[in-house]
């Protein structure tokens, strides 16, 4: 699963971690991914993209 997180992280852009919203979104996404035995861990990629897609767009618009 760690390899998957690397691939997903690249979708946010290399500088996205510097924005507070992107950092929070990344932290939540990693926590959800790590809790794979719970119901929360069953959230699929489409759901994650719908949650974090707006954050990615905002950080890209701000040039981060």
PDB file of N, CA and C in Angstrom:
ATOM      1  N   UNK A   1       0.816  -1.205   0.000  1.00  0.00           N
ATOM      2  CA  UNK A   1       0.000   0.000   0.000  1.00  0.00           C
ATOM      3  C   UNK A   1       0.853   1.260   0.000  1.00  0.00           C
ATOM      4  N   UNK A   2       2.056   1.201   0.494  1.00  0.00           N
ATOM      5  CA  UNK A   2       2.906   2.389   0.487  1.00  0.00           C
ATOM      6  C   UNK A   2       3.241   2.822  -0.929  1.00  0.00           C
ATOM      7  N   UNK A   3       3.369   1.868  -1.855  1.00  0.00           N
ATOM      8  CA  UNK A   3       3.634   2.229  -3.239  1.00  0.00           C
ATOM      9  C   UNK A   3       2.453   2.976  -3.840  1.00  0.00           C
ATOM     10  N   UNK A   4       1.241   2.572  -3.460  1.00  0.00           N
ATOM     11  CA  UNK A   4       0.057   3.262  -3.957  1.00  0.00           C
ATOM     12  C   UNK A   4       0.024   4.704  -3.472  1.00  0.00           C
ATOM     13  N   UNK A   5       0.402   4.937  -2.222  1.00  0.00           N
ATOM     14  CA  UNK A   5       0.358   6.301  -1.705  1.00  0.00           C
ATOM     15  C   UNK A   5       1.334   7.195  -2.457  1.00  0.00           C
ATOM     16  N   UNK A   6       2.462   6.645  -2.872  1.00  0.00           N
ATOM     17  CA  UNK A   6       3.419   7.429  -3.646  1.00  0.00           C
ATOM     18  C   UNK A   6       2.798   7.848  -4.968  1.00  0.00           C
ATOM     19  N   UNK A   7       2.088   6.935  -5.631  1.00  0.00           N
ATOM     20  CA  UNK A   7       1.449   7.254  -6.898  1.00  0.00           C
ATOM     21  C   UNK A   7       0.361   8.282  -6.740  1.00  0.00           C
ATOM     22  N   UNK A   8      -0.429   8.168  -5.694  1.00  0.00           N
ATOM     23  CA  UNK A   8      -1.498   9.130  -5.470  1.00  0.00           C
ATOM     24  C   UNK A   8      -0.934  10.490  -5.094  1.00  0.00           C
ATOM     25  N   UNK A   9       0.130  10.485  -4.310  1.00  0.00           N
ATOM     26  CA  UNK A   9       0.710  11.743  -3.868  1.00  0.00           C
ATOM     27  C   UNK A   9       1.152  12.580  -5.064  1.00  0.00           C
ATOM     28  N   UNK A  10       1.649  11.921  -6.112  1.00  0.00           N
ATOM     29  CA  UNK A  10       2.120  12.667  -7.273  1.00  0.00           C
ATOM     30  C   UNK A  10       0.977  13.394  -7.978  1.00  0.00           C
ATOM     31  N   UNK A  11      -0.257  12.928  -7.822  1.00  0.00           N
ATOM     32  CA  UNK A  11      -1.405  13.605  -8.430  1.00  0.00           C
ATOM     33  C   UNK A  11      -1.638  14.986  -7.829  1.00  0.00           C
ATOM     34  N   UNK A  12      -1.212  15.176  -6.591  1.00  0.00           N
ATOM     35  CA  UNK A  12      -1.415  16.456  -5.932  1.00  0.00           C
ATOM     36  C   UNK A  12      -0.351  17.475  -6.320  1.00  0.00           C
ATOM     37  N   UNK A  13       0.704  17.048  -6.968  1.00  0.00           N
ATOM     38  CA  UNK A  13       1.782  17.955  -7.349  1.00  0.00           C
ATOM     39  C   UNK A  13       2.859  17.976  -6.287  1.00  0.00           C
ATOM     40  N   UNK A  14       4.063  18.287  -6.679  1.00  0.00           N
ATOM     41  CA  UNK A  14       5.193  18.217  -5.761  1.00  0.00           C
ATOM     42  C   UNK A  14       5.141  19.284  -4.681  1.00  0.00           C
ATOM     43  N   UNK A  15       4.508  20.418  -4.941  1.00  0.00           N
ATOM     44  CA  UNK A  15       4.481  21.504  -3.976  1.00  0.00           C
ATOM     45  C   UNK A  15       3.183  21.575  -3.179  1.00  0.00           C
ATOM     46  N   UNK A  16       2.271  20.647  -3.411  1.00  0.00           N
ATOM     47  CA  UNK A  16       0.961  20.723  -2.759  1.00  0.00           C
ATOM     48  C   UNK A  16       1.072  20.608  -1.250  1.00  0.00           C
ATOM     49  N   UNK A  17       2.089  19.920  -0.739  1.00  0.00           N
ATOM     50  CA  UNK A  17       2.243  19.747   0.699  1.00  0.00           C
ATOM     51  C   UNK A  17       2.492  21.041   1.442  1.00  0.00           C
ATOM     52  N   UNK A  18       2.906  22.087   0.760  1.00  0.00           N
ATOM     53  CA  UNK A  18       3.182  23.352   1.427  1.00  0.00           C
ATOM     54  C   UNK A  18       1.909  24.117   1.772  1.00  0.00           C
ATOM     55  N   UNK A  19       0.818  23.817   1.125  1.00  0.00           N
ATOM     56  CA  UNK A  19      -0.452  24.478   1.428  1.00  0.00           C
ATOM     57  C   UNK A  19      -1.127  23.759   2.586  1.00  0.00           C
ATOM     58  N   UNK A  20      -1.616  24.498   3.588  1.00  0.00           N
ATOM     59  CA  UNK A  20      -2.241  23.856   4.756  1.00  0.00           C
ATOM     60  C   UNK A  20      -3.386  22.918   4.403  1.00  0.00           C
ATOM     61  N   UNK A  21      -4.240  23.313   3.474  1.00  0.00           N
ATOM     62  CA  UNK A  21      -5.370  22.453   3.111  1.00  0.00           C
ATOM     63  C   UNK A  21      -4.887  21.168   2.465  1.00  0.00           C
ATOM     64  N   UNK A  22      -3.890  21.255   1.615  1.00  0.00           N
ATOM     65  CA  UNK A  22      -3.364  20.064   0.959  1.00  0.00           C
ATOM     66  C   UNK A  22      -2.687  19.156   1.974  1.00  0.00           C
ATOM     67  N   UNK A  23      -1.982  19.731   2.940  1.00  0.00           N
ATOM     68  CA  UNK A  23      -1.330  18.936   3.979  1.00  0.00           C
ATOM     69  C   UNK A  23      -2.367  18.195   4.813  1.00  0.00           C
ATOM     70  N   UNK A  24      -3.435  18.885   5.167  1.00  0.00           N
ATOM     71  CA  UNK A  24      -4.496  18.253   5.948  1.00  0.00           C
ATOM     72  C   UNK A  24      -5.165  17.151   5.147  1.00  0.00           C
ATOM     73  N   UNK A  25      -5.433  17.419   3.874  1.00  0.00           N
ATOM     74  CA  UNK A  25      -6.071  16.415   3.025  1.00  0.00           C
ATOM     75  C   UNK A  25      -5.178  15.199   2.872  1.00  0.00           C
ATOM     76  N   UNK A  26      -3.892  15.411   2.689  1.00  0.00           N
ATOM     77  CA  UNK A  26      -2.950  14.306   2.552  1.00  0.00           C
ATOM     78  C   UNK A  26      -2.892  13.491   3.838  1.00  0.00           C
ATOM     79  N   UNK A  27      -2.890  14.148   4.989  1.00  0.00           N
ATOM     80  CA  UNK A  27      -2.868  13.449   6.269  1.00  0.00           C
ATOM     81  C   UNK A  27      -4.106  12.583   6.448  1.00  0.00           C
ATOM     82  N   UNK A  28      -5.259  13.133   6.100  1.00  0.00           N
ATOM     83  CA  UNK A  28      -6.505  12.371   6.218  1.00  0.00           C
ATOM     84  C   UNK A  28      -6.494  11.192   5.258  1.00  0.00           C
ATOM     85  N   UNK A  29      -6.045  11.422   4.028  1.00  0.00           N
ATOM     86  CA  UNK A  29      -6.001  10.353   3.033  1.00  0.00           C
ATOM     87  C   UNK A  29      -5.087   9.225   3.491  1.00  0.00           C
ATOM     88  N   UNK A  30      -3.929   9.562   4.035  1.00  0.00           N
ATOM     89  CA  UNK A  30      -3.007   8.541   4.520  1.00  0.00           C
ATOM     90  C   UNK A  30      -3.603   7.781   5.702  1.00  0.00           C
ATOM     91  N   UNK A  31      -4.275   8.492   6.601  1.00  0.00           N
ATOM     92  CA  UNK A  31      -4.911   7.828   7.739  1.00  0.00           C
ATOM     93  C   UNK A  31      -5.996   6.865   7.271  1.00  0.00           C
ATOM     94  N   UNK A  32      -6.793   7.282   6.286  1.00  0.00           N
ATOM     95  CA  UNK A  32      -7.832   6.403   5.747  1.00  0.00           C
ATOM     96  C   UNK A  32      -7.209   5.176   5.097  1.00  0.00           C
ATOM     97  N   UNK A  33      -6.134   5.390   4.376  1.00  0.00           N
ATOM     98  CA  UNK A  33      -5.482   4.291   3.677  1.00  0.00           C
ATOM     99  C   UNK A  33      -4.870   3.302   4.666  1.00  0.00           C
ATOM    100  N   UNK A  34      -4.311   3.798   5.761  1.00  0.00           N
ATOM    101  CA  UNK A  34      -3.638   2.934   6.727  1.00  0.00           C
ATOM    102  C   UNK A  34      -4.627   2.121   7.555  1.00  0.00           C
ATOM    103  N   UNK A  35      -5.866   2.554   7.656  1.00  0.00           N
ATOM    104  CA  UNK A  35      -6.855   1.827   8.451  1.00  0.00           C
ATOM    105  C   UNK A  35      -7.642   0.866   7.568  1.00  0.00           C
ATOM    106  N   UNK A  36      -6.937   0.051   6.824  1.00  0.00           N
ATOM    107  CA  UNK A  36      -7.570  -0.802   5.814  1.00  0.00           C
ATOM    108  C   UNK A  36      -8.480  -1.873   6.407  1.00  0.00           C
ATOM    109  N   UNK A  37      -8.336  -2.203   7.676  1.00  0.00           N
ATOM    110  CA  UNK A  37      -9.185  -3.238   8.268  1.00  0.00           C
ATOM    111  C   UNK A  37     -10.534  -2.687   8.711  1.00  0.00           C
ATOM    112  N   UNK A  38     -10.646  -1.398   8.805  1.00  0.00           N
ATOM    113  CA  UNK A  38     -11.914  -0.810   9.240  1.00  0.00           C
ATOM    114  C   UNK A  38     -12.781  -0.464   8.031  1.00  0.00           C
ATOM    115  N   UNK A  39     -13.994  -0.085   8.275  1.00  0.00           N
ATOM    116  CA  UNK A  39     -14.915   0.296   7.193  1.00  0.00           C
ATOM    117  C   UNK A  39     -14.393   1.511   6.443  1.00  0.00           C
ATOM    118  N   UNK A  40     -13.703   2.386   7.145  1.00  0.00           N
ATOM    119  CA  UNK A  40     -13.152   3.586   6.522  1.00  0.00           C
ATOM    120  C   UNK A  40     -12.138   3.204   5.456  1.00  0.00           C
ATOM    121  N   UNK A  41     -11.415   2.118   5.675  1.00  0.00           N
ATOM    122  CA  UNK A  41     -10.402   1.682   4.723  1.00  0.00           C
ATOM    123  C   UNK A  41     -10.971   1.180   3.419  1.00  0.00           C
ATOM    124  N   UNK A  42     -12.266   0.985   3.345  1.00  0.00           N
ATOM    125  CA  UNK A  42     -12.895   0.464   2.135  1.00  0.00           C
ATOM    126  C   UNK A  42     -13.301   1.569   1.156  1.00  0.00           C
ATOM    127  N   UNK A  43     -13.019   2.815   1.480  1.00  0.00           N
ATOM    128  CA  UNK A  43     -13.322   3.922   0.567  1.00  0.00           C
ATOM    129  C   UNK A  43     -12.483   3.751  -0.690  1.00  0.00           C
ATOM    130  N   UNK A  44     -13.107   3.817  -1.830  1.00  0.00           N
ATOM    131  CA  UNK A  44     -12.378   3.581  -3.078  1.00  0.00           C
ATOM    132  C   UNK A  44     -11.732   4.853  -3.611  1.00  0.00           C
ATOM    133  N   UNK A  45     -10.957   4.706  -4.663  1.00  0.00           N
ATOM    134  CA  UNK A  45     -10.234   5.835  -5.238  1.00  0.00           C
ATOM    135  C   UNK A  45     -11.167   6.938  -5.725  1.00  0.00           C
ATOM    136  N   UNK A  46     -12.325   6.572  -6.266  1.00  0.00           N
ATOM    137  CA  UNK A  46     -13.263   7.596  -6.734  1.00  0.00           C
ATOM    138  C   UNK A  46     -13.736   8.473  -5.577  1.00  0.00           C
ATOM    139  N   UNK A  47     -14.000   7.840  -4.439  1.00  0.00           N
ATOM    140  CA  UNK A  47     -14.426   8.606  -3.272  1.00  0.00           C
ATOM    141  C   UNK A  47     -13.302   9.516  -2.787  1.00  0.00           C
ATOM    142  N   UNK A  48     -12.077   8.997  -2.754  1.00  0.00           N
ATOM    143  CA  UNK A  48     -10.942   9.822  -2.342  1.00  0.00           C
ATOM    144  C   UNK A  48     -10.738  10.993  -3.297  1.00  0.00           C
ATOM    145  N   UNK A  49     -10.867  10.729  -4.589  1.00  0.00           N
ATOM    146  CA  UNK A  49     -10.709  11.808  -5.567  1.00  0.00           C
ATOM    147  C   UNK A  49     -11.797  12.862  -5.408  1.00  0.00           C
ATOM    148  N   UNK A  50     -13.018  12.431  -5.084  1.00  0.00           N
ATOM    149  CA  UNK A  50     -14.083  13.414  -4.903  1.00  0.00           C
ATOM    150  C   UNK A  50     -13.847  14.253  -3.649  1.00  0.00           C
ATOM    151  N   UNK A  51     -13.219  13.648  -2.638  1.00  0.00           N
ATOM    152  CA  UNK A  51     -12.908  14.396  -1.419  1.00  0.00           C
ATOM    153  C   UNK A  51     -11.748  15.357  -1.621  1.00  0.00           C
ATOM    154  N   UNK A  52     -10.677  14.876  -2.274  1.00  0.00           N
ATOM    155  CA  UNK A  52      -9.440  15.640  -2.340  1.00  0.00           C
ATOM    156  C   UNK A  52      -9.239  16.364  -3.655  1.00  0.00           C
ATOM    157  N   UNK A  53     -10.066  16.096  -4.652  1.00  0.00           N
ATOM    158  CA  UNK A  53      -9.949  16.790  -5.925  1.00  0.00           C
ATOM    159  C   UNK A  53     -10.078  18.302  -5.788  1.00  0.00           C
ATOM    160  N   UNK A  54     -11.074  18.803  -5.018  1.00  0.00           N
ATOM    161  CA  UNK A  54     -11.191  20.262  -4.851  1.00  0.00           C
ATOM    162  C   UNK A  54      -9.956  20.884  -4.213  1.00  0.00           C
ATOM    163  N   UNK A  55      -9.325  20.178  -3.281  1.00  0.00           N
ATOM    164  CA  UNK A  55      -8.107  20.691  -2.639  1.00  0.00           C
ATOM    165  C   UNK A  55      -7.003  20.811  -3.668  1.00  0.00           C
ATOM    166  N   UNK A  56      -6.881  19.795  -4.512  1.00  0.00           N
ATOM    167  CA  UNK A  56      -5.852  19.812  -5.548  1.00  0.00           C
ATOM    168  C   UNK A  56      -6.061  20.986  -6.498  1.00  0.00           C
ATOM    169  N   UNK A  57      -7.312  21.208  -6.902  1.00  0.00           N
ATOM    170  CA  UNK A  57      -7.596  22.312  -7.823  1.00  0.00           C
ATOM    171  C   UNK A  57      -7.269  23.662  -7.188  1.00  0.00           C
ATOM    172  N   UNK A  58      -7.599  23.833  -5.918  1.00  0.00           N
ATOM    173  CA  UNK A  58      -7.327  25.100  -5.233  1.00  0.00           C
ATOM    174  C   UNK A  58      -5.831  25.341  -5.139  1.00  0.00           C
ATOM    175  N   UNK A  59      -5.064  24.313  -4.781  1.00  0.00           N
ATOM    176  CA  UNK A  59      -3.621  24.498  -4.660  1.00  0.00           C
ATOM    177  C   UNK A  59      -2.989  24.764  -6.011  1.00  0.00           C
ATOM    178  N   UNK A  60      -3.501  24.137  -7.077  1.00  0.00           N
ATOM    179  CA  UNK A  60      -2.966  24.395  -8.409  1.00  0.00           C
ATOM    180  C   UNK A  60      -3.281  25.823  -8.853  1.00  0.00           C
ATOM    181  N   UNK A  61      -4.465  26.313  -8.533  1.00  0.00           N
ATOM    182  CA  UNK A  61      -4.843  27.680  -8.900  1.00  0.00           C
ATOM    183  C   UNK A  61      -3.996  28.710  -8.159  1.00  0.00           C
ATOM    184  N   UNK A  62      -3.598  28.374  -6.935  1.00  0.00           N
ATOM    185  CA  UNK A  62      -2.786  29.290  -6.134  1.00  0.00           C
ATOM    186  C   UNK A  62      -1.305  29.195  -6.474  1.00  0.00           C
ATOM    187  N   UNK A  63      -0.950  28.289  -7.358  1.00  0.00           N
ATOM    188  CA  UNK A  63       0.441  28.149  -7.767  1.00  0.00           C
ATOM    189  C   UNK A  63       1.295  27.376  -6.798  1.00  0.00           C
ATOM    190  N   UNK A  64       0.677  26.612  -5.912  1.00  0.00           N
ATOM    191  CA  UNK A  64       1.447  25.807  -4.948  1.00  0.00           C
ATOM    192  C   UNK A  64       1.630  24.416  -5.435  1.00  0.00           C
TER     193      UNK A  64
END
